[in-house]
């Protein structure tokens, strides 16, 4: 049986795969280019080693900024470009992501405020 942490990481992985895919198809080529493959591998590795695990916040509100240098700039560009398009291309996944990350934020802020 898949535990909560595995589900969360799988959903995060699928989301970042879709976002990088949108970005690369529209800006580079039909298949993932070498640079986008490297970014995807980097992002997946960061998910695997995230200290927050299933309580991982969205990157923008995280207190630990684990992406560095060029990779940080690249992922920001991907998210800025692909984020708005995700709602049109993958509405159910996007709404689930927004709902889930919003609930995590609410519950984690209640914990820190108590």
C-alpha atoms as a PDB file:
ATOM      1  CA  UNK A   1       0.000   0.000   0.000  1.00  0.00           C
ATOM      2  CA  UNK A   2       1.242   3.492  -0.847  1.00  0.00           C
ATOM      3  CA  UNK A   3       1.686   5.779   2.140  1.00  0.00           C
ATOM      4  CA  UNK A   4       0.860   9.474   2.293  1.00  0.00           C
ATOM      5  CA  UNK A   5       4.445  10.560   1.706  1.00  0.00           C
ATOM      6  CA  UNK A   6       4.761   8.454  -1.452  1.00  0.00           C
ATOM      7  CA  UNK A   7       1.463   9.837  -2.807  1.00  0.00           C
ATOM      8  CA  UNK A   8       2.550  13.391  -2.120  1.00  0.00           C
ATOM      9  CA  UNK A   9       5.935  12.925  -3.766  1.00  0.00           C
ATOM     10  CA  UNK A  10       4.349  11.209  -6.755  1.00  0.00           C
ATOM     11  CA  UNK A  11       1.882  14.089  -7.214  1.00  0.00           C
ATOM     12  CA  UNK A  12       4.668  16.681  -6.869  1.00  0.00           C
ATOM     13  CA  UNK A  13       6.810  14.745  -9.356  1.00  0.00           C
ATOM     14  CA  UNK A  14       3.973  14.572 -11.898  1.00  0.00           C
ATOM     15  CA  UNK A  15       3.267  18.277 -11.475  1.00  0.00           C
ATOM     16  CA  UNK A  16       6.871  19.307 -12.089  1.00  0.00           C
ATOM     17  CA  UNK A  17       7.123  16.896 -15.047  1.00  0.00           C
ATOM     18  CA  UNK A  18       4.064  18.529 -16.610  1.00  0.00           C
ATOM     19  CA  UNK A  19       5.333  22.052 -15.961  1.00  0.00           C
ATOM     20  CA  UNK A  20       8.765  21.377 -17.435  1.00  0.00           C
ATOM     21  CA  UNK A  21       7.107  19.568 -20.361  1.00  0.00           C
ATOM     22  CA  UNK A  22       4.896  22.572 -21.140  1.00  0.00           C
ATOM     23  CA  UNK A  23       7.845  24.920 -20.938  1.00  0.00           C
ATOM     24  CA  UNK A  24      10.170  22.831 -23.099  1.00  0.00           C
ATOM     25  CA  UNK A  25       7.555  22.056 -25.786  1.00  0.00           C
ATOM     26  CA  UNK A  26       6.705  25.727 -26.157  1.00  0.00           C
ATOM     27  CA  UNK A  27      10.234  27.134 -25.876  1.00  0.00           C
ATOM     28  CA  UNK A  28      12.681  24.449 -27.014  1.00  0.00           C
ATOM     29  CA  UNK A  29      11.444  21.325 -28.821  1.00  0.00           C
ATOM     30  CA  UNK A  30       8.722  18.655 -28.832  1.00  0.00           C
ATOM     31  CA  UNK A  31      10.626  16.205 -26.617  1.00  0.00           C
ATOM     32  CA  UNK A  32      12.415  17.280 -23.456  1.00  0.00           C
ATOM     33  CA  UNK A  33      15.750  18.807 -24.391  1.00  0.00           C
ATOM     34  CA  UNK A  34      18.958  18.002 -22.517  1.00  0.00           C
ATOM     35  CA  UNK A  35      18.702  21.118 -20.322  1.00  0.00           C
ATOM     36  CA  UNK A  36      15.093  20.418 -19.360  1.00  0.00           C
ATOM     37  CA  UNK A  37      15.864  16.757 -18.640  1.00  0.00           C
ATOM     38  CA  UNK A  38      18.665  17.894 -16.332  1.00  0.00           C
ATOM     39  CA  UNK A  39      16.307  20.332 -14.604  1.00  0.00           C
ATOM     40  CA  UNK A  40      13.693  17.601 -14.168  1.00  0.00           C
ATOM     41  CA  UNK A  41      16.242  15.206 -12.667  1.00  0.00           C
ATOM     42  CA  UNK A  42      17.454  17.962 -10.342  1.00  0.00           C
ATOM     43  CA  UNK A  43      13.887  18.772  -9.250  1.00  0.00           C
ATOM     44  CA  UNK A  44      13.003  15.119  -8.621  1.00  0.00           C
ATOM     45  CA  UNK A  45      16.164  14.663  -6.573  1.00  0.00           C
ATOM     46  CA  UNK A  46      15.279  17.725  -4.496  1.00  0.00           C
ATOM     47  CA  UNK A  47      11.822  16.235  -3.864  1.00  0.00           C
ATOM     48  CA  UNK A  48      13.376  12.957  -2.715  1.00  0.00           C
ATOM     49  CA  UNK A  49      15.588  14.645  -0.137  1.00  0.00           C
ATOM     50  CA  UNK A  50      13.123  17.312   1.040  1.00  0.00           C
ATOM     51  CA  UNK A  51      13.228  17.430   4.851  1.00  0.00           C
ATOM     52  CA  UNK A  52       9.523  18.349   5.020  1.00  0.00           C
ATOM     53  CA  UNK A  53       8.364  15.170   3.221  1.00  0.00           C
ATOM     54  CA  UNK A  54       4.537  15.073   3.072  1.00  0.00           C
ATOM     55  CA  UNK A  55       4.278  18.519   4.700  1.00  0.00           C
ATOM     56  CA  UNK A  56       6.358  20.117   1.945  1.00  0.00           C
ATOM     57  CA  UNK A  57       5.170  23.662   1.243  1.00  0.00           C
ATOM     58  CA  UNK A  58       5.182  25.203  -2.206  1.00  0.00           C
ATOM     59  CA  UNK A  59       8.665  26.382  -3.107  1.00  0.00           C
ATOM     60  CA  UNK A  60       7.746  30.074  -2.988  1.00  0.00           C
ATOM     61  CA  UNK A  61       6.682  29.839   0.672  1.00  0.00           C
ATOM     62  CA  UNK A  62       9.375  27.409   1.811  1.00  0.00           C
ATOM     63  CA  UNK A  63      11.906  28.656   4.344  1.00  0.00           C
ATOM     64  CA  UNK A  64      14.608  26.390   2.871  1.00  0.00           C
ATOM     65  CA  UNK A  65      15.539  27.376  -0.663  1.00  0.00           C
ATOM     66  CA  UNK A  66      17.237  24.224  -1.907  1.00  0.00           C
ATOM     67  CA  UNK A  67      17.520  25.158  -5.592  1.00  0.00           C
ATOM     68  CA  UNK A  68      20.750  27.013  -6.246  1.00  0.00           C
ATOM     69  CA  UNK A  69      22.278  29.124  -8.983  1.00  0.00           C
ATOM     70  CA  UNK A  70      21.246  28.436 -12.539  1.00  0.00           C
ATOM     71  CA  UNK A  71      18.804  25.685 -11.530  1.00  0.00           C
ATOM     72  CA  UNK A  72      16.956  28.140  -9.276  1.00  0.00           C
ATOM     73  CA  UNK A  73      16.661  30.627 -12.134  1.00  0.00           C
ATOM     74  CA  UNK A  74      15.580  27.883 -14.549  1.00  0.00           C
ATOM     75  CA  UNK A  75      12.846  26.471 -12.307  1.00  0.00           C
ATOM     76  CA  UNK A  76      11.530  29.980 -11.591  1.00  0.00           C
ATOM     77  CA  UNK A  77      11.263  30.579 -15.336  1.00  0.00           C
ATOM     78  CA  UNK A  78       9.484  27.255 -15.850  1.00  0.00           C
ATOM     79  CA  UNK A  79       7.009  27.925 -13.042  1.00  0.00           C
ATOM     80  CA  UNK A  80       6.360  31.495 -14.142  1.00  0.00           C
ATOM     81  CA  UNK A  81       5.700  30.345 -17.714  1.00  0.00           C
ATOM     82  CA  UNK A  82       3.897  27.057 -17.076  1.00  0.00           C
ATOM     83  CA  UNK A  83       1.939  27.877 -13.925  1.00  0.00           C
ATOM     84  CA  UNK A  84      -0.858  29.841 -15.622  1.00  0.00           C
ATOM     85  CA  UNK A  85      -1.032  27.327 -18.490  1.00  0.00           C
ATOM     86  CA  UNK A  86      -1.424  24.389 -16.099  1.00  0.00           C
ATOM     87  CA  UNK A  87      -4.958  25.460 -15.205  1.00  0.00           C
ATOM     88  CA  UNK A  88      -6.016  25.262 -18.856  1.00  0.00           C
ATOM     89  CA  UNK A  89      -4.079  22.122 -19.792  1.00  0.00           C
ATOM     90  CA  UNK A  90      -4.454  20.101 -16.569  1.00  0.00           C
ATOM     91  CA  UNK A  91      -7.343  21.702 -14.643  1.00  0.00           C
ATOM     92  CA  UNK A  92      -8.074  18.810 -12.266  1.00  0.00           C
ATOM     93  CA  UNK A  93      -4.418  18.266 -11.369  1.00  0.00           C
ATOM     94  CA  UNK A  94      -3.873  21.991 -10.920  1.00  0.00           C
ATOM     95  CA  UNK A  95      -6.905  22.486  -8.700  1.00  0.00           C
ATOM     96  CA  UNK A  96      -5.906  19.451  -6.616  1.00  0.00           C
ATOM     97  CA  UNK A  97      -2.398  20.902  -6.245  1.00  0.00           C
ATOM     98  CA  UNK A  98      -3.756  24.312  -5.234  1.00  0.00           C
ATOM     99  CA  UNK A  99      -6.189  22.774  -2.768  1.00  0.00           C
ATOM    100  CA  UNK A 100      -3.587  20.461  -1.256  1.00  0.00           C
ATOM    101  CA  UNK A 101      -0.872  23.090  -0.917  1.00  0.00           C
ATOM    102  CA  UNK A 102      -3.395  25.556   0.482  1.00  0.00           C
ATOM    103  CA  UNK A 103      -4.502  23.071   3.127  1.00  0.00           C
ATOM    104  CA  UNK A 104      -0.890  22.308   4.019  1.00  0.00           C
ATOM    105  CA  UNK A 105      -0.245  26.011   4.434  1.00  0.00           C
ATOM    106  CA  UNK A 106      -3.292  26.458   6.673  1.00  0.00           C
ATOM    107  CA  UNK A 107      -2.446  23.507   8.899  1.00  0.00           C
ATOM    108  CA  UNK A 108       1.264  24.300   9.114  1.00  0.00           C
ATOM    109  CA  UNK A 109       0.570  27.948   9.998  1.00  0.00           C
ATOM    110  CA  UNK A 110      -1.877  26.852  12.722  1.00  0.00           C
ATOM    111  CA  UNK A 111       0.834  24.655  14.201  1.00  0.00           C
ATOM    112  CA  UNK A 112       3.365  27.465  14.277  1.00  0.00           C
ATOM    113  CA  UNK A 113       0.834  29.937  15.692  1.00  0.00           C
ATOM    114  CA  UNK A 114      -0.266  27.676  18.552  1.00  0.00           C
END
